[in-house]
Amino acid sequence: MTSLFEESATTPVTFEAALAELQQIAARLEDGGDGLEASLKEFEHGVRLLRLCYQLLENAEQKIEQLVKFSETGEAVLTPFDATATAGQPAGKRRSPRKSPNADDSV
């Protein structure tokens, strides 16, 4: 089976392709049909793919622009996304669910 890392020398790896391969690895590991050595290699490859996915997401997040205000002519004034608000938090734990203003905490 050809991995994305083997192909990445000639073509850029997309998030979707890395995620799809990671899902395939997870399915094979859950199946448990491979031996220990093969499973460890698959797991290591999955960890590399997971890191790649996080890197691709981080790069995408850096590109996000935030709408700040409108100029006098009605044009949107954009500023680069400020990642400092989430920089100190671990990946995957960056956003917490917002409570509705009318949420009843006494339940």
Foldseek 3Di string as FASTA:
>chain_A
DDDVVNVCVPPPDDLVRLVVLLVVLVVVVVVVPDDPVVNVVSVVSSVVSVVVNVVNVVVVLQADWDFDDADPVRHTDIDTDDCPQQVVPDPPPRDDDDDDPPDDPPD
